[in-house]
Amino acid sequence: MGSRSRAHSHRDAAYARSRARDLGRAISLRQDSAHALPFADASFDTVVCTFSLCAIPDHEAAVDEMIRVLRPAGS
């Protein structure tokens, strides 16, 4: 990831933390590989991916990982 992308990512993370704090929400932001998410199977009720797949080298592997960490009744 280039320094420009990294800077943009840090700015977005800072905004998300600020917004969550303003809303009284606890959040945990992580930056990991979309090809090997560090979470157990069926860990999440919802997976959201916005404007990302076009920048991920193996988008099919990334979608497979999203499905893996999504609970069976999740969306």
PDB file of N, CA and C in Angstrom:
ATOM      1  N   MET A   1       0.858  -1.161   0.000  1.00  0.00           N
ATOM      2  CA  MET A   1       0.000   0.000   0.000  1.00  0.00           C
ATOM      3  C   MET A   1       0.905   1.226   0.000  1.00  0.00           C
ATOM      4  N   GLY A   2       0.671   2.149  -0.909  1.00  0.00           N
ATOM      5  CA  GLY A   2       1.480   3.348  -0.992  1.00  0.00           C
ATOM      6  C   GLY A   2       1.211   4.297   0.152  1.00  0.00           C
ATOM      7  N   SER A   3       2.117   5.266   0.329  1.00  0.00           N
ATOM      8  CA  SER A   3       1.961   6.207   1.441  1.00  0.00           C
ATOM      9  C   SER A   3       0.689   7.031   1.297  1.00  0.00           C
ATOM     10  N   ARG A   4       0.291   7.339   0.060  1.00  0.00           N
ATOM     11  CA  ARG A   4      -0.946   8.100  -0.138  1.00  0.00           C
ATOM     12  C   ARG A   4      -2.157   7.293   0.326  1.00  0.00           C
ATOM     13  N   SER A   5      -2.212   6.012  -0.040  1.00  0.00           N
ATOM     14  CA  SER A   5      -3.310   5.149   0.387  1.00  0.00           C
ATOM     15  C   SER A   5      -3.318   4.976   1.896  1.00  0.00           C
ATOM     16  N   ARG A   6      -2.149   4.820   2.477  1.00  0.00           N
ATOM     17  CA  ARG A   6      -2.035   4.643   3.922  1.00  0.00           C
ATOM     18  C   ARG A   6      -2.534   5.889   4.650  1.00  0.00           C
ATOM     19  N   ALA A   7      -2.183   7.060   4.148  1.00  0.00           N
ATOM     20  CA  ALA A   7      -2.622   8.313   4.767  1.00  0.00           C
ATOM     21  C   ALA A   7      -4.140   8.433   4.690  1.00  0.00           C
ATOM     22  N   HIS A   8      -4.695   8.093   3.552  1.00  0.00           N
ATOM     23  CA  HIS A   8      -6.148   8.145   3.384  1.00  0.00           C
ATOM     24  C   HIS A   8      -6.830   7.172   4.350  1.00  0.00           C
ATOM     25  N   SER A   9      -6.257   5.973   4.480  1.00  0.00           N
ATOM     26  CA  SER A   9      -6.801   4.968   5.383  1.00  0.00           C
ATOM     27  C   SER A   9      -6.774   5.448   6.830  1.00  0.00           C
ATOM     28  N   HIS A  10      -5.674   6.076   7.242  1.00  0.00           N
ATOM     29  CA  HIS A  10      -5.568   6.583   8.617  1.00  0.00           C
ATOM     30  C   HIS A  10      -6.580   7.711   8.866  1.00  0.00           C
ATOM     31  N   ARG A  11      -6.774   8.558   7.871  1.00  0.00           N
ATOM     32  CA  ARG A  11      -7.747   9.641   8.011  1.00  0.00           C
ATOM     33  C   ARG A  11      -9.161   9.069   8.153  1.00  0.00           C
ATOM     34  N   ASP A  12      -9.483   8.062   7.354  1.00  0.00           N
ATOM     35  CA  ASP A  12     -10.803   7.425   7.444  1.00  0.00           C
ATOM     36  C   ASP A  12     -10.993   6.761   8.803  1.00  0.00           C
ATOM     37  N   ALA A  13      -9.959   6.104   9.304  1.00  0.00           N
ATOM     38  CA  ALA A  13     -10.043   5.446  10.606  1.00  0.00           C
ATOM     39  C   ALA A  13     -10.246   6.472  11.714  1.00  0.00           C
ATOM     40  N   ALA A  14      -9.538   7.589  11.633  1.00  0.00           N
ATOM     41  CA  ALA A  14      -9.696   8.646  12.640  1.00  0.00           C
ATOM     42  C   ALA A  14     -11.123   9.190  12.617  1.00  0.00           C
ATOM     43  N   TYR A  15     -11.674   9.359  11.419  1.00  0.00           N
ATOM     44  CA  TYR A  15     -13.055   9.839  11.306  1.00  0.00           C
ATOM     45  C   TYR A  15     -14.030   8.826  11.907  1.00  0.00           C
ATOM     46  N   ALA A  16     -13.828   7.545  11.612  1.00  0.00           N
ATOM     47  CA  ALA A  16     -14.707   6.505  12.133  1.00  0.00           C
ATOM     48  C   ALA A  16     -14.654   6.452  13.660  1.00  0.00           C
ATOM     49  N   ARG A  17     -13.459   6.572  14.222  1.00  0.00           N
ATOM     50  CA  ARG A  17     -13.328   6.570  15.686  1.00  0.00           C
ATOM     51  C   ARG A  17     -14.041   7.773  16.302  1.00  0.00           C
ATOM     52  N   SER A  18     -13.869   8.927  15.688  1.00  0.00           N
ATOM     53  CA  SER A  18     -14.511  10.150  16.175  1.00  0.00           C
ATOM     54  C   SER A  18     -16.029  10.029  16.110  1.00  0.00           C
ATOM     55  N   ARG A  19     -16.517   9.520  14.998  1.00  0.00           N
ATOM     56  CA  ARG A  19     -17.967   9.364  14.805  1.00  0.00           C
ATOM     57  C   ARG A  19     -18.541   8.378  15.827  1.00  0.00           C
ATOM     58  N   ALA A  20     -17.864   7.271  16.037  1.00  0.00           N
ATOM     59  CA  ALA A  20     -18.324   6.274  17.008  1.00  0.00           C
ATOM     60  C   ALA A  20     -18.346   6.861  18.407  1.00  0.00           C
ATOM     61  N   ARG A  21     -17.318   7.606  18.761  1.00  0.00           N
ATOM     62  CA  ARG A  21     -17.256   8.253  20.075  1.00  0.00           C
ATOM     63  C   ARG A  21     -18.435   9.219  20.239  1.00  0.00           C
ATOM     64  N   ASP A  22     -18.704  10.020  19.204  1.00  0.00           N
ATOM     65  CA  ASP A  22     -19.820  10.971  19.244  1.00  0.00           C
ATOM     66  C   ASP A  22     -21.157  10.261  19.435  1.00  0.00           C
ATOM     67  N   LEU A  23     -21.265   9.053  18.904  1.00  0.00           N
ATOM     68  CA  LEU A  23     -22.507   8.277  19.003  1.00  0.00           C
ATOM     69  C   LEU A  23     -22.545   7.379  20.239  1.00  0.00           C
ATOM     70  N   GLY A  24     -21.472   7.402  21.025  1.00  0.00           N
ATOM     71  CA  GLY A  24     -21.426   6.574  22.225  1.00  0.00           C
ATOM     72  C   GLY A  24     -21.264   5.095  21.917  1.00  0.00           C
ATOM     73  N   ARG A  25     -20.604   4.783  20.812  1.00  0.00           N
ATOM     74  CA  ARG A  25     -20.417   3.386  20.392  1.00  0.00           C
ATOM     75  C   ARG A  25     -18.970   2.962  20.583  1.00  0.00           C
ATOM     76  N   ALA A  26     -18.778   1.734  21.007  1.00  0.00           N
ATOM     77  CA  ALA A  26     -17.441   1.159  21.099  1.00  0.00           C
ATOM     78  C   ALA A  26     -17.149   0.440  19.785  1.00  0.00           C
ATOM     79  N   ILE A  27     -15.996   0.725  19.205  1.00  0.00           N
ATOM     80  CA  ILE A  27     -15.626   0.060  17.959  1.00  0.00           C
ATOM     81  C   ILE A  27     -14.195  -0.426  18.035  1.00  0.00           C
ATOM     82  N   SER A  28     -13.880  -1.354  17.172  1.00  0.00           N
ATOM     83  CA  SER A  28     -12.518  -1.842  17.010  1.00  0.00           C
ATOM     84  C   SER A  28     -12.234  -1.836  15.516  1.00  0.00           C
ATOM     85  N   LEU A  29     -11.274  -1.034  15.096  1.00  0.00           N
ATOM     86  CA  LEU A  29     -10.890  -0.973  13.689  1.00  0.00           C
ATOM     87  C   LEU A  29      -9.598  -1.738  13.495  1.00  0.00           C
ATOM     88  N   ARG A  30      -9.573  -2.563  12.458  1.00  0.00           N
ATOM     89  CA  ARG A  30      -8.386  -3.358  12.166  1.00  0.00           C
ATOM     90  C   ARG A  30      -8.066  -3.269  10.698  1.00  0.00           C
ATOM     91  N   GLN A  31      -6.807  -3.372  10.375  1.00  0.00           N
ATOM     92  CA  GLN A  31      -6.376  -3.424   8.990  1.00  0.00           C
ATOM     93  C   GLN A  31      -5.658  -4.745   8.792  1.00  0.00           C
ATOM     94  N   ASP A  32      -6.290  -5.644   8.040  1.00  0.00           N
ATOM     95  CA  ASP A  32      -5.750  -6.977   7.812  1.00  0.00           C
ATOM     96  C   ASP A  32      -5.929  -7.346   6.349  1.00  0.00           C
ATOM     97  N   SER A  33      -5.403  -8.479   5.967  1.00  0.00           N
ATOM     98  CA  SER A  33      -5.532  -8.966   4.600  1.00  0.00           C
ATOM     99  C   SER A  33      -6.954  -9.446   4.335  1.00  0.00           C
ATOM    100  N   ALA A  34      -7.526  -8.996   3.248  1.00  0.00           N
ATOM    101  CA  ALA A  34      -8.866  -9.446   2.860  1.00  0.00           C
ATOM    102  C   ALA A  34      -8.856 -10.907   2.436  1.00  0.00           C
ATOM    103  N   HIS A  35      -7.676 -11.428   2.131  1.00  0.00           N
ATOM    104  CA  HIS A  35      -7.553 -12.810   1.671  1.00  0.00           C
ATOM    105  C   HIS A  35      -7.456 -13.813   2.818  1.00  0.00           C
ATOM    106  N   ALA A  36      -7.211 -13.325   4.036  1.00  0.00           N
ATOM    107  CA  ALA A  36      -7.070 -14.219   5.197  1.00  0.00           C
ATOM    108  C   ALA A  36      -7.483 -13.439   6.444  1.00  0.00           C
ATOM    109  N   LEU A  37      -8.778 -13.303   6.635  1.00  0.00           N
ATOM    110  CA  LEU A  37      -9.279 -12.541   7.781  1.00  0.00           C
ATOM    111  C   LEU A  37      -8.957 -13.271   9.081  1.00  0.00           C
ATOM    112  N   PRO A  38      -8.485 -12.550  10.106  1.00  0.00           N
ATOM    113  CA  PRO A  38      -8.056 -13.184  11.357  1.00  0.00           C
ATOM    114  C   PRO A  38      -9.210 -13.405  12.338  1.00  0.00           C
ATOM    115  N   PHE A  39     -10.298 -13.965  11.845  1.00  0.00           N
ATOM    116  CA  PHE A  39     -11.480 -14.209  12.672  1.00  0.00           C
ATOM    117  C   PHE A  39     -11.953 -15.640  12.472  1.00  0.00           C
ATOM    118  N   ALA A  40     -12.573 -16.175  13.493  1.00  0.00           N
ATOM    119  CA  ALA A  40     -13.106 -17.536  13.408  1.00  0.00           C
ATOM    120  C   ALA A  40     -14.278 -17.593  12.431  1.00  0.00           C
ATOM    121  N   ASP A  41     -14.550 -18.786  11.938  1.00  0.00           N
ATOM    122  CA  ASP A  41     -15.718 -18.991  11.079  1.00  0.00           C
ATOM    123  C   ASP A  41     -16.975 -18.522  11.798  1.00  0.00           C
ATOM    124  N   ALA A  42     -17.916 -17.985  11.034  1.00  0.00           N
ATOM    125  CA  ALA A  42     -19.231 -17.584  11.549  1.00  0.00           C
ATOM    126  C   ALA A  42     -19.136 -16.615  12.733  1.00  0.00           C
ATOM    127  N   SER A  43     -18.241 -15.634  12.641  1.00  0.00           N
ATOM    128  CA  SER A  43     -18.021 -14.679  13.728  1.00  0.00           C
ATOM    129  C   SER A  43     -18.922 -13.454  13.677  1.00  0.00           C
ATOM    130  N   PHE A  44     -19.511 -13.160  12.514  1.00  0.00           N
ATOM    131  CA  PHE A  44     -20.232 -11.905  12.340  1.00  0.00           C
ATOM    132  C   PHE A  44     -21.648 -12.104  11.810  1.00  0.00           C
ATOM    133  N   ASP A  45     -22.546 -11.239  12.264  1.00  0.00           N
ATOM    134  CA  ASP A  45     -23.922 -11.231  11.754  1.00  0.00           C
ATOM    135  C   ASP A  45     -24.003 -10.519  10.407  1.00  0.00           C
ATOM    136  N   THR A  46     -23.127  -9.542  10.204  1.00  0.00           N
ATOM    137  CA  THR A  46     -23.156  -8.726   8.989  1.00  0.00           C
ATOM    138  C   THR A  46     -21.739  -8.451   8.506  1.00  0.00           C
ATOM    139  N   VAL A  47     -21.553  -8.513   7.214  1.00  0.00           N
ATOM    140  CA  VAL A  47     -20.298  -8.147   6.581  1.00  0.00           C
ATOM    141  C   VAL A  47     -20.612  -7.051   5.571  1.00  0.00           C
ATOM    142  N   VAL A  48     -19.858  -5.957   5.643  1.00  0.00           N
ATOM    143  CA  VAL A  48     -20.046  -4.832   4.726  1.00  0.00           C
ATOM    144  C   VAL A  48     -18.737  -4.587   3.988  1.00  0.00           C
ATOM    145  N   CYS A  49     -18.818  -4.483   2.693  1.00  0.00           N
ATOM    146  CA  CYS A  49     -17.654  -4.188   1.863  1.00  0.00           C
ATOM    147  C   CYS A  49     -18.087  -3.138   0.849  1.00  0.00           C
ATOM    148  N   THR A  50     -17.536  -1.947   0.973  1.00  0.00           N
ATOM    149  CA  THR A  50     -17.933  -0.846   0.102  1.00  0.00           C
ATOM    150  C   THR A  50     -16.709  -0.285  -0.607  1.00  0.00           C
ATOM    151  N   PHE A  51     -16.767  -0.173  -1.909  1.00  0.00           N
ATOM    152  CA  PHE A  51     -15.693   0.409  -2.719  1.00  0.00           C
ATOM    153  C   PHE A  51     -14.342  -0.248  -2.449  1.00  0.00           C
ATOM    154  N   SER A  52     -14.319  -1.549  -2.259  1.00  0.00           N
ATOM    155  CA  SER A  52     -13.069  -2.222  -1.921  1.00  0.00           C
ATOM    156  C   SER A  52     -12.656  -3.294  -2.909  1.00  0.00           C
ATOM    157  N   LEU A  53     -13.598  -4.039  -3.430  1.00  0.00           N
ATOM    158  CA  LEU A  53     -13.239  -5.206  -4.241  1.00  0.00           C
ATOM    159  C   LEU A  53     -12.433  -4.842  -5.484  1.00  0.00           C
ATOM    160  N   CYS A  54     -12.620  -3.647  -6.003  1.00  0.00           N
ATOM    161  CA  CYS A  54     -11.859  -3.245  -7.197  1.00  0.00           C
ATOM    162  C   CYS A  54     -10.373  -3.050  -6.877  1.00  0.00           C
ATOM    163  N   ALA A  55     -10.020  -2.922  -5.602  1.00  0.00           N
ATOM    164  CA  ALA A  55      -8.630  -2.703  -5.207  1.00  0.00           C
ATOM    165  C   ALA A  55      -7.981  -3.942  -4.599  1.00  0.00           C
ATOM    166  N   ILE A  56      -8.729  -5.015  -4.482  1.00  0.00           N
ATOM    167  CA  ILE A  56      -8.213  -6.249  -3.888  1.00  0.00           C
ATOM    168  C   ILE A  56      -7.773  -7.170  -5.019  1.00  0.00           C
ATOM    169  N   PRO A  57      -6.503  -7.599  -5.019  1.00  0.00           N
ATOM    170  CA  PRO A  57      -5.976  -8.404  -6.126  1.00  0.00           C
ATOM    171  C   PRO A  57      -6.804  -9.659  -6.442  1.00  0.00           C
ATOM    172  N   ASP A  58      -7.166 -10.416  -5.446  1.00  0.00           N
ATOM    173  CA  ASP A  58      -7.961 -11.633  -5.658  1.00  0.00           C
ATOM    174  C   ASP A  58      -9.317 -11.431  -4.985  1.00  0.00           C
ATOM    175  N   HIS A  59     -10.214 -10.748  -5.686  1.00  0.00           N
ATOM    176  CA  HIS A  59     -11.505 -10.410  -5.088  1.00  0.00           C
ATOM    177  C   HIS A  59     -12.339 -11.642  -4.765  1.00  0.00           C
ATOM    178  N   GLU A  60     -12.185 -12.725  -5.516  1.00  0.00           N
ATOM    179  CA  GLU A  60     -12.944 -13.942  -5.214  1.00  0.00           C
ATOM    180  C   GLU A  60     -12.519 -14.533  -3.872  1.00  0.00           C
ATOM    181  N   ALA A  61     -11.224 -14.532  -3.585  1.00  0.00           N
ATOM    182  CA  ALA A  61     -10.737 -15.022  -2.290  1.00  0.00           C
ATOM    183  C   ALA A  61     -11.253 -14.132  -1.164  1.00  0.00           C
ATOM    184  N   ALA A  62     -11.310 -12.829  -1.398  1.00  0.00           N
ATOM    185  CA  ALA A  62     -11.815 -11.901  -0.386  1.00  0.00           C
ATOM    186  C   ALA A  62     -13.292 -12.171  -0.095  1.00  0.00           C
ATOM    187  N   VAL A  63     -14.081 -12.395  -1.127  1.00  0.00           N
ATOM    188  CA  VAL A  63     -15.509 -12.690  -0.929  1.00  0.00           C
ATOM    189  C   VAL A  63     -15.663 -14.029  -0.211  1.00  0.00           C
ATOM    190  N   ASP A  64     -14.843 -15.008  -0.556  1.00  0.00           N
ATOM    191  CA  ASP A  64     -14.879 -16.302   0.151  1.00  0.00           C
ATOM    192  C   ASP A  64     -14.609 -16.105   1.646  1.00  0.00           C
ATOM    193  N   GLU A  65     -13.668 -15.226   1.988  1.00  0.00           N
ATOM    194  CA  GLU A  65     -13.369 -14.947   3.394  1.00  0.00           C
ATOM    195  C   GLU A  65     -14.550 -14.253   4.077  1.00  0.00           C
ATOM    196  N   MET A  66     -15.198 -13.338   3.383  1.00  0.00           N
ATOM    197  CA  MET A  66     -16.373 -12.673   3.955  1.00  0.00           C
ATOM    198  C   MET A  66     -17.463 -13.690   4.259  1.00  0.00           C
ATOM    199  N   ILE A  67     -17.673 -14.606   3.340  1.00  0.00           N
ATOM    200  CA  ILE A  67     -18.684 -15.652   3.540  1.00  0.00           C
ATOM    201  C   ILE A  67     -18.284 -16.550   4.707  1.00  0.00           C
ATOM    202  N   ARG A  68     -16.998 -16.867   4.814  1.00  0.00           N
ATOM    203  CA  ARG A  68     -16.509 -17.749   5.890  1.00  0.00           C
ATOM    204  C   ARG A  68     -16.780 -17.160   7.277  1.00  0.00           C
ATOM    205  N   VAL A  69     -16.550 -15.854   7.448  1.00  0.00           N
ATOM    206  CA  VAL A  69     -16.715 -15.240   8.770  1.00  0.00           C
ATOM    207  C   VAL A  69     -18.163 -14.836   9.055  1.00  0.00           C
ATOM    208  N   LEU A  70     -19.027 -14.918   8.069  1.00  0.00           N
ATOM    209  CA  LEU A  70     -20.441 -14.566   8.231  1.00  0.00           C
ATOM    210  C   LEU A  70     -21.225 -15.727   8.822  1.00  0.00           C
ATOM    211  N   ARG A  71     -22.048 -15.451   9.813  1.00  0.00           N
ATOM    212  CA  ARG A  71     -22.893 -16.495  10.400  1.00  0.00           C
ATOM    213  C   ARG A  71     -23.883 -16.988   9.345  1.00  0.00           C
ATOM    214  N   PRO A  72     -24.325 -18.231   9.433  1.00  0.00           N
ATOM    215  CA  PRO A  72     -25.225 -18.791   8.418  1.00  0.00           C
ATOM    216  C   PRO A  72     -26.475 -17.946   8.163  1.00  0.00           C
ATOM    217  N   ALA A  73     -27.029 -17.316   9.161  1.00  0.00           N
ATOM    218  CA  ALA A  73     -28.235 -16.509   8.959  1.00  0.00           C
ATOM    219  C   ALA A  73     -27.887 -15.028   8.750  1.00  0.00           C
ATOM    220  N   GLY A  74     -26.625 -14.747   8.567  1.00  0.00           N
ATOM    221  CA  GLY A  74     -26.181 -13.352   8.429  1.00  0.00           C
ATOM    222  C   GLY A  74     -26.469 -12.777   7.067  1.00  0.00           C
ATOM    223  N   SER A  75     -26.115 -11.498   6.950  1.00  0.00           N
ATOM    224  CA  SER A  75     -26.357 -10.814   5.680  1.00  0.00           C
ATOM    225  C   SER A  75     -25.140 -10.002   5.260  1.00  0.00           C
TER     226      SER A  75
END
